[in-house]
Amino acid sequence: MKSLMIQGTGSDVGKSLVAVGLCRLFANEGAKVTPFKSQNMTADVYETLNGKIIAQSQGMQAEAAKVEATVWMNPILLKPGENMETEVIFFGEKEGELSGFEYRDKFYQTGLEAIKTSLQQLRKDFDVVVIEGAGSPAEVNLKDRELVNMKVAEIADAPVLLVADIERGGVFASIIGTLQLLAPEERNRVKGIVINKFRGDVKFFRDGIQWLEENTGIPVMGVLPVLEYMEAGRIFREDQYDRLADDMKRFLDWEKIKAITDEWSKET
């Protein structure tokens, strides 16, 4: 099974949106594609046809991929609760409420096995998996027990696209800083950069693209504008998935992204 992971320089940079678009692009070309996010912390949920609960974003990614959503696509769901406690949901079933420290201590190994099991199940039915990370892969204080970014890329043996949000400012520092904090073997997985939420004429950012490529050695796959019709939290419709796929094909180097996925699978 081919794989491609979407990681970000931070939270809310647009990883989910990019994953939605990639799922629809692969599906439109006839690939049997599935989304995957190992662990999602959100109060927004999606109910599968058999009554299980996963994160809403993975449900929408499944819709974009034109497949039925299953718990294998999001084996671990953490729903924020009161008093710093979190409701832990494994494979769509509630396991109880724990604090963050309790979860890390008690469920890390269980979570790791859940991720491996899910990917094995998805491998039986799909040709391509589009994996979404969480937050940033450069959280050095969490790295020894993380279950959402480079550890997942390692388990799935996936190349990585790094998404950065230019709208909030500091895009160069966020990209360079993220890459510098990765271990060499992790950095080697990053095969492309995506600039997201750009406003204005992209020709004024060409020097920025050149600088990034020269200083990172990693190609910029393209620059996505702010897409107002894909606002966070909305329930998407089929025409929005298609419009997003068209826009991503227009603004990103789709052929190069497919080549990254193909070449990585051949090399490994």
C-alpha atoms as a PDB file:
ATOM      1  CA  MET A   1       0.000   0.000   0.000  1.00  0.00           C
ATOM      2  CA  LYS A   2       1.356   3.400  -0.991  1.00  0.00           C
ATOM      3  CA  SER A   3       1.296   6.071   1.675  1.00  0.00           C
ATOM      4  CA  LEU A   4       1.649   9.828   2.004  1.00  0.00           C
ATOM      5  CA  MET A   5       1.650  11.725   5.290  1.00  0.00           C
ATOM      6  CA  ILE A   6       0.597  15.331   5.794  1.00  0.00           C
ATOM      7  CA  GLN A   7       2.361  17.000   8.705  1.00  0.00           C
ATOM      8  CA  GLY A   8       2.368  20.660   9.694  1.00  0.00           C
ATOM      9  CA  THR A   9       4.561  23.279  11.283  1.00  0.00           C
ATOM     10  CA  GLY A  10       1.859  23.675  13.947  1.00  0.00           C
ATOM     11  CA  SER A  11      -1.828  23.283  14.726  1.00  0.00           C
ATOM     12  CA  ASP A  12      -4.487  24.712  12.403  1.00  0.00           C
ATOM     13  CA  VAL A  13      -2.142  25.169   9.442  1.00  0.00           C
ATOM     14  CA  GLY A  14      -4.473  23.228   7.126  1.00  0.00           C
ATOM     15  CA  LYS A  15      -3.407  19.593   7.363  1.00  0.00           C
ATOM     16  CA  SER A  16      -6.982  18.297   7.414  1.00  0.00           C
ATOM     17  CA  LEU A  17      -7.957  20.354   4.387  1.00  0.00           C
ATOM     18  CA  VAL A  18      -4.947  19.210   2.366  1.00  0.00           C
ATOM     19  CA  ALA A  19      -5.716  15.602   3.285  1.00  0.00           C
ATOM     20  CA  VAL A  20      -9.344  16.034   2.165  1.00  0.00           C
ATOM     21  CA  GLY A  21      -8.213  17.382  -1.199  1.00  0.00           C
ATOM     22  CA  LEU A  22      -5.640  14.638  -1.724  1.00  0.00           C
ATOM     23  CA  CYS A  23      -8.214  11.951  -0.904  1.00  0.00           C
ATOM     24  CA  ARG A  24     -10.540  13.320  -3.589  1.00  0.00           C
ATOM     25  CA  LEU A  25      -7.710  13.705  -6.128  1.00  0.00           C
ATOM     26  CA  PHE A  26      -6.569  10.101  -5.682  1.00  0.00           C
ATOM     27  CA  ALA A  27     -10.182   8.870  -5.779  1.00  0.00           C
ATOM     28  CA  ASN A  28     -10.926  10.814  -8.958  1.00  0.00           C
ATOM     29  CA  GLU A  29      -8.034   9.007 -10.652  1.00  0.00           C
ATOM     30  CA  GLY A  30      -9.430   5.614  -9.727  1.00  0.00           C
ATOM     31  CA  ALA A  31      -7.231   4.806  -6.752  1.00  0.00           C
ATOM     32  CA  LYS A  32      -8.673   2.939  -3.783  1.00  0.00           C
ATOM     33  CA  VAL A  33      -7.676   5.548  -1.217  1.00  0.00           C
ATOM     34  CA  THR A  34      -8.323   5.824   2.509  1.00  0.00           C
ATOM     35  CA  PRO A  35      -7.661   8.551   5.067  1.00  0.00           C
ATOM     36  CA  PHE A  36      -5.936   7.811   8.367  1.00  0.00           C
ATOM     37  CA  LYS A  37      -5.236   9.780  11.522  1.00  0.00           C
ATOM     38  CA  SER A  38      -3.850   7.776  14.395  1.00  0.00           C
ATOM     39  CA  GLN A  39      -5.072  10.030  17.180  1.00  0.00           C
ATOM     40  CA  ASN A  40      -7.352  13.039  16.998  1.00  0.00           C
ATOM     41  CA  MET A  41      -8.258  15.370  19.866  1.00  0.00           C
ATOM     42  CA  THR A  42     -11.570  17.034  19.064  1.00  0.00           C
ATOM     43  CA  ALA A  43     -15.142  17.421  20.235  1.00  0.00           C
ATOM     44  CA  ASP A  44     -16.388  17.225  16.628  1.00  0.00           C
ATOM     45  CA  VAL A  45     -17.322  13.639  15.871  1.00  0.00           C
ATOM     46  CA  TYR A  46     -18.644  11.553  12.980  1.00  0.00           C
ATOM     47  CA  GLU A  47     -20.791   8.453  13.404  1.00  0.00           C
ATOM     48  CA  THR A  48     -19.995   5.528  11.128  1.00  0.00           C
ATOM     49  CA  LEU A  49     -22.727   3.402   9.570  1.00  0.00           C
ATOM     50  CA  ASN A  50     -22.341   0.807  12.335  1.00  0.00           C
ATOM     51  CA  GLY A  51     -22.709   3.435  15.063  1.00  0.00           C
ATOM     52  CA  LYS A  52     -19.055   3.887  16.013  1.00  0.00           C
ATOM     53  CA  ILE A  53     -17.515   7.302  16.701  1.00  0.00           C
ATOM     54  CA  ILE A  54     -14.502   8.779  14.918  1.00  0.00           C
ATOM     55  CA  ALA A  55     -13.310  12.350  14.389  1.00  0.00           C
ATOM     56  CA  GLN A  56     -15.378  14.469  12.026  1.00  0.00           C
ATOM     57  CA  SER A  57     -12.345  15.331   9.901  1.00  0.00           C
ATOM     58  CA  GLN A  58     -11.644  11.665   9.128  1.00  0.00           C
ATOM     59  CA  GLY A  59     -15.314  11.152   8.316  1.00  0.00           C
ATOM     60  CA  MET A  60     -15.169  13.983   5.797  1.00  0.00           C
ATOM     61  CA  GLN A  61     -11.901  12.677   4.373  1.00  0.00           C
ATOM     62  CA  ALA A  62     -13.601   9.316   3.847  1.00  0.00           C
ATOM     63  CA  GLU A  63     -16.431  11.081   2.016  1.00  0.00           C
ATOM     64  CA  ALA A  64     -13.845  12.829  -0.155  1.00  0.00           C
ATOM     65  CA  ALA A  65     -12.199   9.453  -0.819  1.00  0.00           C
ATOM     66  CA  LYS A  66     -15.631   8.061  -1.817  1.00  0.00           C
ATOM     67  CA  VAL A  67     -15.449   5.255   0.748  1.00  0.00           C
ATOM     68  CA  GLU A  68     -17.340   4.292   3.883  1.00  0.00           C
ATOM     69  CA  ALA A  69     -15.822   5.656   7.097  1.00  0.00           C
ATOM     70  CA  THR A  70     -14.561   3.041   9.581  1.00  0.00           C
ATOM     71  CA  VAL A  71     -12.846   3.055  12.962  1.00  0.00           C
ATOM     72  CA  TRP A  72      -9.612   1.919  11.290  1.00  0.00           C
ATOM     73  CA  MET A  73      -9.311   5.430   9.855  1.00  0.00           C
ATOM     74  CA  ASN A  74      -9.138   6.998  13.338  1.00  0.00           C
ATOM     75  CA  PRO A  75      -8.457   4.359  16.006  1.00  0.00           C
ATOM     76  CA  ILE A  76      -7.870   6.834  18.854  1.00  0.00           C
ATOM     77  CA  LEU A  77     -10.227   9.736  19.543  1.00  0.00           C
ATOM     78  CA  LEU A  78      -9.713  12.045  22.514  1.00  0.00           C
ATOM     79  CA  LYS A  79     -12.673  14.258  23.422  1.00  0.00           C
ATOM     80  CA  PRO A  80     -11.766  17.177  25.720  1.00  0.00           C
ATOM     81  CA  GLY A  81     -13.854  17.241  28.877  1.00  0.00           C
ATOM     82  CA  GLU A  82     -14.065  19.201  32.099  1.00  0.00           C
ATOM     83  CA  ASN A  83     -11.429  19.521  34.856  1.00  0.00           C
ATOM     84  CA  MET A  84      -8.511  18.824  32.504  1.00  0.00           C
ATOM     85  CA  GLU A  85      -9.806  15.330  31.788  1.00  0.00           C
ATOM     86  CA  THR A  86     -10.240  13.718  28.389  1.00  0.00           C
ATOM     87  CA  GLU A  87     -12.667  11.066  27.210  1.00  0.00           C
ATOM     88  CA  VAL A  88     -10.665   8.281  25.573  1.00  0.00           C
ATOM     89  CA  ILE A  89     -12.299   6.452  22.654  1.00  0.00           C
ATOM     90  CA  PHE A  90     -10.566   3.418  21.123  1.00  0.00           C
ATOM     91  CA  PHE A  91     -11.918   1.982  17.867  1.00  0.00           C
ATOM     92  CA  GLY A  92     -15.123   3.969  18.301  1.00  0.00           C
ATOM     93  CA  GLU A  93     -15.810   2.718  21.848  1.00  0.00           C
ATOM     94  CA  LYS A  94     -15.542   4.777  25.048  1.00  0.00           C
ATOM     95  CA  GLU A  95     -12.758   3.636  27.380  1.00  0.00           C
ATOM     96  CA  GLY A  96     -13.214   6.200  30.166  1.00  0.00           C
ATOM     97  CA  GLU A  97     -11.879   9.602  31.196  1.00  0.00           C
ATOM     98  CA  LEU A  98      -8.251  10.317  32.034  1.00  0.00           C
ATOM     99  CA  SER A  99      -5.900  13.244  32.493  1.00  0.00           C
ATOM    100  CA  GLY A 100      -3.252  13.818  29.852  1.00  0.00           C
ATOM    101  CA  PHE A 101      -0.492  12.344  32.015  1.00  0.00           C
ATOM    102  CA  GLU A 102      -2.571   9.274  32.872  1.00  0.00           C
ATOM    103  CA  TYR A 103      -3.277   8.703  29.198  1.00  0.00           C
ATOM    104  CA  ARG A 104       0.399   8.890  28.245  1.00  0.00           C
ATOM    105  CA  ASP A 105       1.378   6.516  31.038  1.00  0.00           C
ATOM    106  CA  LYS A 106      -1.418   3.959  30.649  1.00  0.00           C
ATOM    107  CA  PHE A 107      -2.320   3.946  26.976  1.00  0.00           C
ATOM    108  CA  TYR A 108       0.870   4.592  24.998  1.00  0.00           C
ATOM    109  CA  GLN A 109       1.619   0.958  24.208  1.00  0.00           C
ATOM    110  CA  THR A 110      -2.070   0.210  23.640  1.00  0.00           C
ATOM    111  CA  GLY A 111      -2.247   3.172  21.278  1.00  0.00           C
ATOM    112  CA  LEU A 112       0.820   2.001  19.403  1.00  0.00           C
ATOM    113  CA  GLU A 113      -0.727  -1.411  18.834  1.00  0.00           C
ATOM    114  CA  ALA A 114      -4.021   0.183  17.763  1.00  0.00           C
ATOM    115  CA  ILE A 115      -2.189   2.175  15.099  1.00  0.00           C
ATOM    116  CA  LYS A 116      -0.371  -0.879  13.764  1.00  0.00           C
ATOM    117  CA  THR A 117      -3.580  -2.923  13.717  1.00  0.00           C
ATOM    118  CA  SER A 118      -5.479  -0.189  11.884  1.00  0.00           C
ATOM    119  CA  LEU A 119      -2.858   0.217   9.185  1.00  0.00           C
ATOM    120  CA  GLN A 120      -2.754  -3.550   8.695  1.00  0.00           C
ATOM    121  CA  GLN A 121      -6.536  -3.602   8.239  1.00  0.00           C
ATOM    122  CA  LEU A 122      -6.501  -0.688   5.798  1.00  0.00           C
ATOM    123  CA  ARG A 123      -3.731  -2.345   3.809  1.00  0.00           C
ATOM    124  CA  LYS A 124      -6.117  -5.210   2.993  1.00  0.00           C
ATOM    125  CA  ASP A 125      -8.629  -3.000   1.193  1.00  0.00           C
ATOM    126  CA  PHE A 126      -6.817   0.055  -0.141  1.00  0.00           C
ATOM    127  CA  ASP A 127      -4.023   0.994  -2.529  1.00  0.00           C
ATOM    128  CA  VAL A 128      -3.182   4.396  -1.023  1.00  0.00           C
ATOM    129  CA  VAL A 129      -3.422   5.827   2.487  1.00  0.00           C
ATOM    130  CA  VAL A 130      -3.379   9.593   3.076  1.00  0.00           C
ATOM    131  CA  ILE A 131      -2.230  10.104   6.661  1.00  0.00           C
ATOM    132  CA  GLU A 132      -2.839  13.263   8.651  1.00  0.00           C
ATOM    133  CA  GLY A 133      -0.519  14.205  11.496  1.00  0.00           C
ATOM    134  CA  ALA A 134      -1.341  16.408  14.491  1.00  0.00           C
ATOM    135  CA  GLY A 135       0.182  19.632  15.751  1.00  0.00           C
ATOM    136  CA  SER A 136       3.886  19.735  14.951  1.00  0.00           C
ATOM    137  CA  PRO A 137       6.434  16.914  14.558  1.00  0.00           C
ATOM    138  CA  ALA A 138       8.991  19.085  16.367  1.00  0.00           C
ATOM    139  CA  GLU A 139       7.542  18.964  19.899  1.00  0.00           C
ATOM    140  CA  VAL A 140      10.788  17.797  21.494  1.00  0.00           C
ATOM    141  CA  ASN A 141       9.283  17.405  24.981  1.00  0.00           C
ATOM    142  CA  LEU A 142       6.724  14.889  23.674  1.00  0.00           C
ATOM    143  CA  LYS A 143       8.854  13.017  21.187  1.00  0.00           C
ATOM    144  CA  ASP A 144       9.614   9.940  23.273  1.00  0.00           C
ATOM    145  CA  ARG A 145       5.929   8.976  23.483  1.00  0.00           C
ATOM    146  CA  GLU A 146       4.264  10.614  20.490  1.00  0.00           C
ATOM    147  CA  LEU A 147       1.706   8.717  18.446  1.00  0.00           C
ATOM    148  CA  VAL A 148       0.740  11.234  15.786  1.00  0.00           C
ATOM    149  CA  ASN A 149       3.608  12.371  13.572  1.00  0.00           C
ATOM    150  CA  MET A 150       6.999  10.865  12.765  1.00  0.00           C
ATOM    151  CA  LYS A 151       6.305   7.703  14.756  1.00  0.00           C
ATOM    152  CA  VAL A 152       3.298   7.078  12.521  1.00  0.00           C
ATOM    153  CA  ALA A 153       5.316   7.936   9.403  1.00  0.00           C
ATOM    154  CA  GLU A 154       7.843   5.328  10.517  1.00  0.00           C
ATOM    155  CA  ILE A 155       5.195   2.656  11.157  1.00  0.00           C
ATOM    156  CA  ALA A 156       3.487   3.330   7.818  1.00  0.00           C
ATOM    157  CA  ASP A 157       6.821   3.976   6.088  1.00  0.00           C
ATOM    158  CA  ALA A 158       5.423   7.138   4.533  1.00  0.00           C
ATOM    159  CA  PRO A 159       7.036  10.162   2.884  1.00  0.00           C
ATOM    160  CA  VAL A 160       5.891  13.489   4.326  1.00  0.00           C
ATOM    161  CA  LEU A 161       4.516  16.747   2.952  1.00  0.00           C
ATOM    162  CA  LEU A 162       5.062  19.612   5.405  1.00  0.00           C
ATOM    163  CA  VAL A 163       2.256  22.204   5.446  1.00  0.00           C
ATOM    164  CA  ALA A 164       2.913  25.750   6.680  1.00  0.00           C
ATOM    165  CA  ASP A 165       0.424  28.584   7.238  1.00  0.00           C
ATOM    166  CA  ILE A 166       1.639  31.862   5.731  1.00  0.00           C
ATOM    167  CA  GLU A 167      -1.408  33.835   6.906  1.00  0.00           C
ATOM    168  CA  ARG A 168      -0.296  33.940  10.535  1.00  0.00           C
ATOM    169  CA  GLY A 169       3.224  35.181   9.696  1.00  0.00           C
ATOM    170  CA  GLY A 170       6.615  33.624  10.397  1.00  0.00           C
ATOM    171  CA  VAL A 171       6.325  30.983   7.704  1.00  0.00           C
ATOM    172  CA  PHE A 172      10.066  30.834   6.974  1.00  0.00           C
ATOM    173  CA  ALA A 173      11.030  30.451  10.627  1.00  0.00           C
ATOM    174  CA  SER A 174       8.349  27.830  11.211  1.00  0.00           C
ATOM    175  CA  ILE A 175       9.547  25.706   8.291  1.00  0.00           C
ATOM    176  CA  ILE A 176      13.269  26.029   8.991  1.00  0.00           C
ATOM    177  CA  GLY A 177      12.775  25.550  12.734  1.00  0.00           C
ATOM    178  CA  THR A 178      10.644  22.448  12.254  1.00  0.00           C
ATOM    179  CA  LEU A 179      13.155  20.839   9.912  1.00  0.00           C
ATOM    180  CA  GLN A 180      16.118  21.641  12.164  1.00  0.00           C
ATOM    181  CA  LEU A 181      14.431  20.006  15.157  1.00  0.00           C
ATOM    182  CA  LEU A 182      13.853  16.741  13.294  1.00  0.00           C
ATOM    183  CA  ALA A 183      16.300  13.860  13.516  1.00  0.00           C
ATOM    184  CA  PRO A 184      18.175  13.205  10.230  1.00  0.00           C
ATOM    185  CA  GLU A 185      16.125  10.097   9.431  1.00  0.00           C
ATOM    186  CA  GLU A 186      12.915  12.039  10.090  1.00  0.00           C
ATOM    187  CA  ARG A 187      13.973  14.986   7.967  1.00  0.00           C
ATOM    188  CA  ASN A 188      14.767  12.575   5.145  1.00  0.00           C
ATOM    189  CA  ARG A 189      11.077  11.674   4.993  1.00  0.00           C
ATOM    190  CA  VAL A 190      10.064  15.275   4.232  1.00  0.00           C
ATOM    191  CA  LYS A 191       9.857  15.338   0.444  1.00  0.00           C
ATOM    192  CA  GLY A 192       7.791  18.453  -0.163  1.00  0.00           C
ATOM    193  CA  ILE A 193       6.570  21.716   1.361  1.00  0.00           C
ATOM    194  CA  VAL A 194       3.085  23.190   0.917  1.00  0.00           C
ATOM    195  CA  ILE A 195       2.433  26.853   1.676  1.00  0.00           C
ATOM    196  CA  ASN A 196      -1.174  27.352   2.772  1.00  0.00           C
ATOM    197  CA  LYS A 197      -3.573  30.291   3.261  1.00  0.00           C
ATOM    198  CA  PHE A 198      -1.819  32.733   0.934  1.00  0.00           C
ATOM    199  CA  ARG A 199      -3.542  36.028   0.175  1.00  0.00           C
ATOM    200  CA  GLY A 200      -2.692  38.057  -2.903  1.00  0.00           C
ATOM    201  CA  ASP A 201      -0.727  37.390  -6.075  1.00  0.00           C
ATOM    202  CA  VAL A 202       1.618  34.423  -5.690  1.00  0.00           C
ATOM    203  CA  LYS A 203       4.142  35.991  -8.080  1.00  0.00           C
ATOM    204  CA  PHE A 204       5.187  38.196  -5.166  1.00  0.00           C
ATOM    205  CA  PHE A 205       6.178  35.055  -3.266  1.00  0.00           C
ATOM    206  CA  ARG A 206       8.377  33.513  -5.954  1.00  0.00           C
ATOM    207  CA  ASP A 207      11.535  34.746  -4.248  1.00  0.00           C
ATOM    208  CA  GLY A 208      10.286  33.132  -1.045  1.00  0.00           C
ATOM    209  CA  ILE A 209       9.793  29.801  -2.790  1.00  0.00           C
ATOM    210  CA  GLN A 210      13.288  29.971  -4.251  1.00  0.00           C
ATOM    211  CA  TRP A 211      14.781  30.831  -0.850  1.00  0.00           C
ATOM    212  CA  LEU A 212      13.014  27.924   0.833  1.00  0.00           C
ATOM    213  CA  GLU A 213      14.142  25.425  -1.778  1.00  0.00           C
ATOM    214  CA  GLU A 214      17.725  26.673  -1.676  1.00  0.00           C
ATOM    215  CA  ASN A 215      17.909  26.668   2.115  1.00  0.00           C
ATOM    216  CA  THR A 216      16.103  23.395   2.792  1.00  0.00           C
ATOM    217  CA  GLY A 217      16.889  21.320  -0.275  1.00  0.00           C
ATOM    218  CA  ILE A 218      13.199  20.380  -0.338  1.00  0.00           C
ATOM    219  CA  PRO A 219      10.907  21.356  -3.231  1.00  0.00           C
ATOM    220  CA  VAL A 220       7.869  23.549  -2.632  1.00  0.00           C
ATOM    221  CA  MET A 221       4.875  21.690  -4.065  1.00  0.00           C
ATOM    222  CA  GLY A 222       2.875  24.879  -4.431  1.00  0.00           C
ATOM    223  CA  VAL A 223       1.051  27.715  -2.707  1.00  0.00           C
ATOM    224  CA  LEU A 224      -2.608  27.308  -1.748  1.00  0.00           C
ATOM    225  CA  PRO A 225      -4.716  30.457  -1.386  1.00  0.00           C
ATOM    226  CA  VAL A 226      -7.245  31.013   1.377  1.00  0.00           C
ATOM    227  CA  LEU A 227     -10.263  28.916   0.362  1.00  0.00           C
ATOM    228  CA  GLU A 228     -13.244  30.578   1.994  1.00  0.00           C
ATOM    229  CA  TYR A 229     -15.672  27.901   0.780  1.00  0.00           C
ATOM    230  CA  MET A 230     -13.859  25.286   2.896  1.00  0.00           C
ATOM    231  CA  GLU A 231     -14.211  26.966   6.284  1.00  0.00           C
ATOM    232  CA  ALA A 232     -13.310  24.827   9.297  1.00  0.00           C
ATOM    233  CA  GLY A 233     -16.212  23.185  11.075  1.00  0.00           C
ATOM    234  CA  ARG A 234     -18.614  23.233   8.138  1.00  0.00           C
ATOM    235  CA  ILE A 235     -20.330  20.138   6.801  1.00  0.00           C
ATOM    236  CA  PHE A 236     -18.968  19.756   3.295  1.00  0.00           C
ATOM    237  CA  ARG A 237     -20.918  18.782   0.192  1.00  0.00           C
ATOM    238  CA  GLU A 238     -19.806  16.759  -2.814  1.00  0.00           C
ATOM    239  CA  ASP A 239     -19.367  19.849  -4.969  1.00  0.00           C
ATOM    240  CA  GLN A 240     -17.037  21.333  -2.355  1.00  0.00           C
ATOM    241  CA  TYR A 241     -14.841  18.228  -2.379  1.00  0.00           C
ATOM    242  CA  ASP A 242     -14.613  18.427  -6.165  1.00  0.00           C
ATOM    243  CA  ARG A 243     -13.930  22.155  -6.109  1.00  0.00           C
ATOM    244  CA  LEU A 244     -11.174  21.658  -3.528  1.00  0.00           C
ATOM    245  CA  ALA A 245      -9.608  18.913  -5.644  1.00  0.00           C
ATOM    246  CA  ASP A 246      -9.692  21.185  -8.696  1.00  0.00           C
ATOM    247  CA  ASP A 247      -8.076  24.030  -6.756  1.00  0.00           C
ATOM    248  CA  MET A 248      -5.372  21.783  -5.333  1.00  0.00           C
ATOM    249  CA  LYS A 249      -4.605  20.463  -8.802  1.00  0.00           C
ATOM    250  CA  ARG A 250      -4.404  24.056 -10.015  1.00  0.00           C
ATOM    251  CA  PHE A 251      -2.171  25.438  -7.262  1.00  0.00           C
ATOM    252  CA  LEU A 252      -0.064  22.392  -6.325  1.00  0.00           C
ATOM    253  CA  ASP A 253       2.183  20.177  -8.434  1.00  0.00           C
ATOM    254  CA  TRP A 254      -0.090  17.152  -8.340  1.00  0.00           C
ATOM    255  CA  GLU A 255       2.078  15.099 -10.689  1.00  0.00           C
ATOM    256  CA  LYS A 256       5.116  15.650  -8.482  1.00  0.00           C
ATOM    257  CA  ILE A 257       3.135  14.718  -5.361  1.00  0.00           C
ATOM    258  CA  LYS A 258       2.077  11.441  -6.995  1.00  0.00           C
ATOM    259  CA  ALA A 259       5.676  10.845  -8.044  1.00  0.00           C
ATOM    260  CA  ILE A 260       6.847  11.258  -4.436  1.00  0.00           C
ATOM    261  CA  THR A 261       4.381   8.582  -3.346  1.00  0.00           C
ATOM    262  CA  ASP A 262       5.324   6.238  -6.192  1.00  0.00           C
ATOM    263  CA  GLU A 263       9.085   6.668  -5.842  1.00  0.00           C
ATOM    264  CA  TRP A 264       9.060   6.191  -2.071  1.00  0.00           C
ATOM    265  CA  SER A 265       7.082   2.958  -2.348  1.00  0.00           C
ATOM    266  CA  LYS A 266       9.554   1.639  -4.942  1.00  0.00           C
ATOM    267  CA  GLU A 267      12.588   2.583  -2.857  1.00  0.00           C
ATOM    268  CA  THR A 268      11.229   0.904   0.249  1.00  0.00           C
END
